[in-house]
Amino acid sequence: MPNNWALQDAKARFSEVVRKATTDGPQIVTYRGVEKAVVLSAEDYRKLKAQKPSFVDVLLNGPKFDDETIDLINRRSRDQGRKVEL
């Protein structure tokens, strides 16, 4: 059986779709011929979710600047704008 399921077939044979997701990999569900959903095993989902980096990781692995760019950033204006009385 293929890994593609029409929605009505997936609904009628849901336990088979889940079983195949655990043994044969992700099962794609289509609606009117268009891919709309994927049924994954819990293990595949955990692996996929674990690959998502944390916000801290994104910040720490950001772009690396050369010395010239860092000097340019450090020479920027220190003007804090004008004082406004409220």
N, C-alpha and C. Protein backbone atom coordinates (compact mmCIF):
# COMPACT_ATOMS: atom_id res chain seq x y z
N MET A 1 0.85 -1.17 0.00
CA MET A 1 0.00 0.00 0.00
C MET A 1 0.90 1.24 0.00
N PRO A 2 0.57 2.25 -0.77
CA PRO A 2 1.41 3.45 -0.85
C PRO A 2 1.36 4.27 0.44
N ASN A 3 2.24 5.25 0.53
CA ASN A 3 2.27 6.13 1.69
C ASN A 3 1.35 7.33 1.52
N ASN A 4 0.58 7.37 0.44
CA ASN A 4 -0.39 8.44 0.21
C ASN A 4 -1.79 7.89 0.45
N TRP A 5 -2.61 8.67 1.15
CA TRP A 5 -3.97 8.26 1.47
C TRP A 5 -4.92 9.40 1.14
N ALA A 6 -6.01 9.08 0.46
CA ALA A 6 -7.09 10.04 0.31
C ALA A 6 -7.73 10.20 1.68
N LEU A 7 -8.22 11.38 1.99
CA LEU A 7 -8.76 11.65 3.32
C LEU A 7 -9.84 10.64 3.72
N GLN A 8 -10.74 10.34 2.82
CA GLN A 8 -11.82 9.41 3.16
C GLN A 8 -11.28 8.00 3.45
N ASP A 9 -10.24 7.59 2.75
CA ASP A 9 -9.63 6.29 3.02
C ASP A 9 -8.87 6.31 4.35
N ALA A 10 -8.19 7.41 4.62
CA ALA A 10 -7.44 7.53 5.87
C ALA A 10 -8.39 7.50 7.06
N LYS A 11 -9.54 8.15 6.92
CA LYS A 11 -10.53 8.13 8.01
C LYS A 11 -11.07 6.73 8.22
N ALA A 12 -11.39 6.04 7.14
CA ALA A 12 -11.98 4.70 7.24
C ALA A 12 -10.98 3.67 7.76
N ARG A 13 -9.68 3.89 7.50
CA ARG A 13 -8.66 2.91 7.86
C ARG A 13 -7.58 3.56 8.73
N PHE A 14 -8.02 4.39 9.68
CA PHE A 14 -7.08 5.18 10.48
C PHE A 14 -6.08 4.31 11.24
N SER A 15 -6.53 3.22 11.82
CA SER A 15 -5.59 2.38 12.58
C SER A 15 -4.50 1.81 11.66
N GLU A 16 -4.84 1.53 10.41
CA GLU A 16 -3.84 1.05 9.46
C GLU A 16 -2.86 2.17 9.10
N VAL A 17 -3.38 3.37 8.95
CA VAL A 17 -2.51 4.53 8.66
C VAL A 17 -1.51 4.71 9.79
N VAL A 18 -1.99 4.64 11.03
CA VAL A 18 -1.10 4.79 12.19
C VAL A 18 -0.08 3.66 12.25
N ARG A 19 -0.52 2.46 12.02
CA ARG A 19 0.39 1.30 12.04
C ARG A 19 1.47 1.47 10.98
N LYS A 20 1.08 1.89 9.77
CA LYS A 20 2.06 2.08 8.69
C LYS A 20 3.01 3.23 9.00
N ALA A 21 2.52 4.24 9.71
CA ALA A 21 3.40 5.36 10.09
C ALA A 21 4.50 4.88 11.02
N THR A 22 4.20 3.91 11.87
CA THR A 22 5.22 3.39 12.78
C THR A 22 6.17 2.41 12.11
N THR A 23 5.70 1.73 11.07
CA THR A 23 6.58 0.73 10.42
C THR A 23 7.19 1.20 9.12
N ASP A 24 6.43 1.95 8.31
CA ASP A 24 6.89 2.33 6.97
C ASP A 24 7.27 3.80 6.84
N GLY A 25 7.11 4.57 7.90
CA GLY A 25 7.46 5.99 7.83
C GLY A 25 6.24 6.87 7.64
N PRO A 26 6.46 8.16 7.44
CA PRO A 26 5.36 9.13 7.36
C PRO A 26 4.32 8.76 6.30
N GLN A 27 3.06 8.99 6.64
CA GLN A 27 1.93 8.72 5.75
C GLN A 27 1.29 10.05 5.37
N ILE A 28 1.18 10.32 4.08
CA ILE A 28 0.65 11.59 3.59
C ILE A 28 -0.84 11.44 3.32
N VAL A 29 -1.61 12.40 3.85
CA VAL A 29 -3.06 12.41 3.65
C VAL A 29 -3.39 13.53 2.67
N THR A 30 -4.16 13.19 1.63
CA THR A 30 -4.52 14.19 0.62
C THR A 30 -6.01 14.47 0.68
N TYR A 31 -6.36 15.69 0.29
CA TYR A 31 -7.75 16.10 0.18
C TYR A 31 -7.94 16.68 -1.21
N ARG A 32 -8.76 16.04 -1.99
CA ARG A 32 -8.98 16.43 -3.38
C ARG A 32 -7.67 16.49 -4.17
N GLY A 33 -6.81 15.54 -3.89
CA GLY A 33 -5.56 15.42 -4.62
C GLY A 33 -4.43 16.32 -4.14
N VAL A 34 -4.69 17.13 -3.11
CA VAL A 34 -3.68 18.05 -2.59
C VAL A 34 -3.20 17.54 -1.23
N GLU A 35 -1.89 17.47 -1.04
CA GLU A 35 -1.34 17.02 0.25
C GLU A 35 -1.74 18.01 1.34
N LYS A 36 -2.39 17.49 2.39
CA LYS A 36 -2.89 18.36 3.46
C LYS A 36 -2.32 18.02 4.83
N ALA A 37 -1.94 16.77 5.07
CA ALA A 37 -1.46 16.39 6.40
C ALA A 37 -0.49 15.22 6.28
N VAL A 38 0.27 15.04 7.35
CA VAL A 38 1.20 13.91 7.42
C VAL A 38 1.01 13.24 8.78
N VAL A 39 0.88 11.93 8.78
CA VAL A 39 0.79 11.17 10.01
C VAL A 39 2.18 10.59 10.28
N LEU A 40 2.75 10.97 11.45
CA LEU A 40 4.08 10.52 11.85
C LEU A 40 3.99 9.60 13.04
N SER A 41 4.96 8.73 13.19
CA SER A 41 5.05 7.96 14.43
C SER A 41 5.52 8.92 15.54
N ALA A 42 5.25 8.56 16.77
CA ALA A 42 5.67 9.39 17.90
C ALA A 42 7.19 9.55 17.91
N GLU A 43 7.91 8.50 17.56
CA GLU A 43 9.37 8.55 17.53
C GLU A 43 9.87 9.55 16.48
N ASP A 44 9.29 9.49 15.28
CA ASP A 44 9.67 10.44 14.23
C ASP A 44 9.37 11.87 14.64
N TYR A 45 8.23 12.07 15.30
CA TYR A 45 7.86 13.41 15.75
C TYR A 45 8.86 13.93 16.78
N ARG A 46 9.25 13.09 17.73
CA ARG A 46 10.23 13.52 18.75
C ARG A 46 11.57 13.88 18.11
N LYS A 47 11.99 13.09 17.13
CA LYS A 47 13.25 13.40 16.43
C LYS A 47 13.15 14.74 15.72
N LEU A 48 12.03 14.96 15.06
CA LEU A 48 11.81 16.21 14.34
C LEU A 48 11.79 17.40 15.29
N LYS A 49 11.11 17.24 16.40
CA LYS A 49 11.01 18.33 17.37
C LYS A 49 12.35 18.62 18.04
N ALA A 50 13.14 17.58 18.25
CA ALA A 50 14.44 17.75 18.91
C ALA A 50 15.41 18.54 18.05
N GLN A 51 15.21 18.58 16.75
CA GLN A 51 16.12 19.29 15.85
C GLN A 51 15.93 20.79 15.91
N LYS A 52 14.85 21.26 16.51
CA LYS A 52 14.56 22.68 16.55
C LYS A 52 15.48 23.35 17.58
N PRO A 53 16.31 24.30 17.15
CA PRO A 53 17.23 24.94 18.11
C PRO A 53 16.48 25.89 19.04
N SER A 54 17.02 26.07 20.23
CA SER A 54 16.41 27.01 21.17
C SER A 54 16.75 28.44 20.74
N PHE A 55 16.05 29.40 21.32
CA PHE A 55 16.30 30.81 21.02
C PHE A 55 17.73 31.19 21.38
N VAL A 56 18.23 30.68 22.50
CA VAL A 56 19.60 30.97 22.93
C VAL A 56 20.60 30.42 21.91
N ASP A 57 20.36 29.22 21.41
CA ASP A 57 21.24 28.65 20.39
C ASP A 57 21.27 29.52 19.13
N VAL A 58 20.12 30.01 18.74
CA VAL A 58 20.05 30.88 17.55
C VAL A 58 20.88 32.14 17.78
N LEU A 59 20.75 32.75 18.96
CA LEU A 59 21.52 33.96 19.25
C LEU A 59 23.02 33.69 19.30
N LEU A 60 23.39 32.59 19.96
CA LEU A 60 24.82 32.29 20.08
C LEU A 60 25.45 31.87 18.76
N ASN A 61 24.67 31.36 17.85
CA ASN A 61 25.20 30.92 16.57
C ASN A 61 24.89 31.92 15.46
N GLY A 62 24.67 33.16 15.84
CA GLY A 62 24.37 34.20 14.87
C GLY A 62 25.57 34.52 14.00
N PRO A 63 25.44 35.56 13.20
CA PRO A 63 26.53 35.91 12.27
C PRO A 63 27.79 36.33 13.02
N LYS A 64 28.92 35.98 12.46
CA LYS A 64 30.21 36.37 13.02
C LYS A 64 30.68 37.61 12.25
N PHE A 65 31.09 38.64 13.00
CA PHE A 65 31.52 39.89 12.39
C PHE A 65 33.04 39.97 12.39
N ASP A 66 33.59 40.56 11.32
CA ASP A 66 35.03 40.77 11.28
C ASP A 66 35.37 42.00 12.13
N ASP A 67 36.66 42.22 12.38
CA ASP A 67 37.11 43.31 13.25
C ASP A 67 36.68 44.67 12.72
N GLU A 68 36.69 44.85 11.42
CA GLU A 68 36.32 46.13 10.83
C GLU A 68 34.85 46.46 11.12
N THR A 69 33.99 45.48 11.01
CA THR A 69 32.57 45.70 11.28
C THR A 69 32.34 45.99 12.76
N ILE A 70 33.05 45.29 13.62
CA ILE A 70 32.91 45.53 15.06
C ILE A 70 33.38 46.94 15.40
N ASP A 71 34.49 47.41 14.81
CA ASP A 71 34.95 48.77 15.04
C ASP A 71 33.91 49.78 14.58
N LEU A 72 33.30 49.53 13.45
CA LEU A 72 32.26 50.42 12.93
C LEU A 72 31.07 50.49 13.89
N ILE A 73 30.67 49.35 14.42
CA ILE A 73 29.56 49.32 15.39
C ILE A 73 29.93 50.10 16.65
N ASN A 74 31.15 49.94 17.12
CA ASN A 74 31.58 50.62 18.35
C ASN A 74 31.76 52.12 18.16
N ARG A 75 31.97 52.59 16.93
CA ARG A 75 32.14 54.03 16.67
C ARG A 75 30.82 54.74 16.41
N ARG A 76 29.70 54.03 16.50
CA ARG A 76 28.41 54.65 16.21
C ARG A 76 28.14 55.78 17.20
N SER A 77 27.24 56.64 16.83
CA SER A 77 26.89 57.79 17.66
C SER A 77 26.33 57.33 19.00
N ARG A 78 26.76 58.00 20.05
CA ARG A 78 26.25 57.71 21.40
C ARG A 78 25.11 58.65 21.78
N ASP A 79 24.68 59.46 20.83
CA ASP A 79 23.59 60.40 21.07
C ASP A 79 22.33 59.64 21.47
N GLN A 80 21.74 60.04 22.57
CA GLN A 80 20.55 59.36 23.05
C GLN A 80 19.28 60.12 22.69
N GLY A 81 19.40 61.07 21.83
CA GLY A 81 18.22 61.82 21.42
C GLY A 81 17.97 63.00 22.35
N ARG A 82 16.87 63.68 22.15
CA ARG A 82 16.57 64.84 22.98
C ARG A 82 15.73 64.46 24.18
N LYS A 83 15.80 65.32 25.21
CA LYS A 83 15.01 65.08 26.40
C LYS A 83 13.59 65.57 26.17
N VAL A 84 12.67 64.78 26.60
CA VAL A 84 11.26 65.14 26.46
C VAL A 84 10.65 65.16 27.85
N GLU A 85 9.98 66.27 28.16
CA GLU A 85 9.30 66.34 29.44
C GLU A 85 7.87 65.88 29.27
N LEU A 86 7.47 64.99 30.15
CA LEU A 86 6.11 64.47 30.09
C LEU A 86 5.22 65.12 31.11
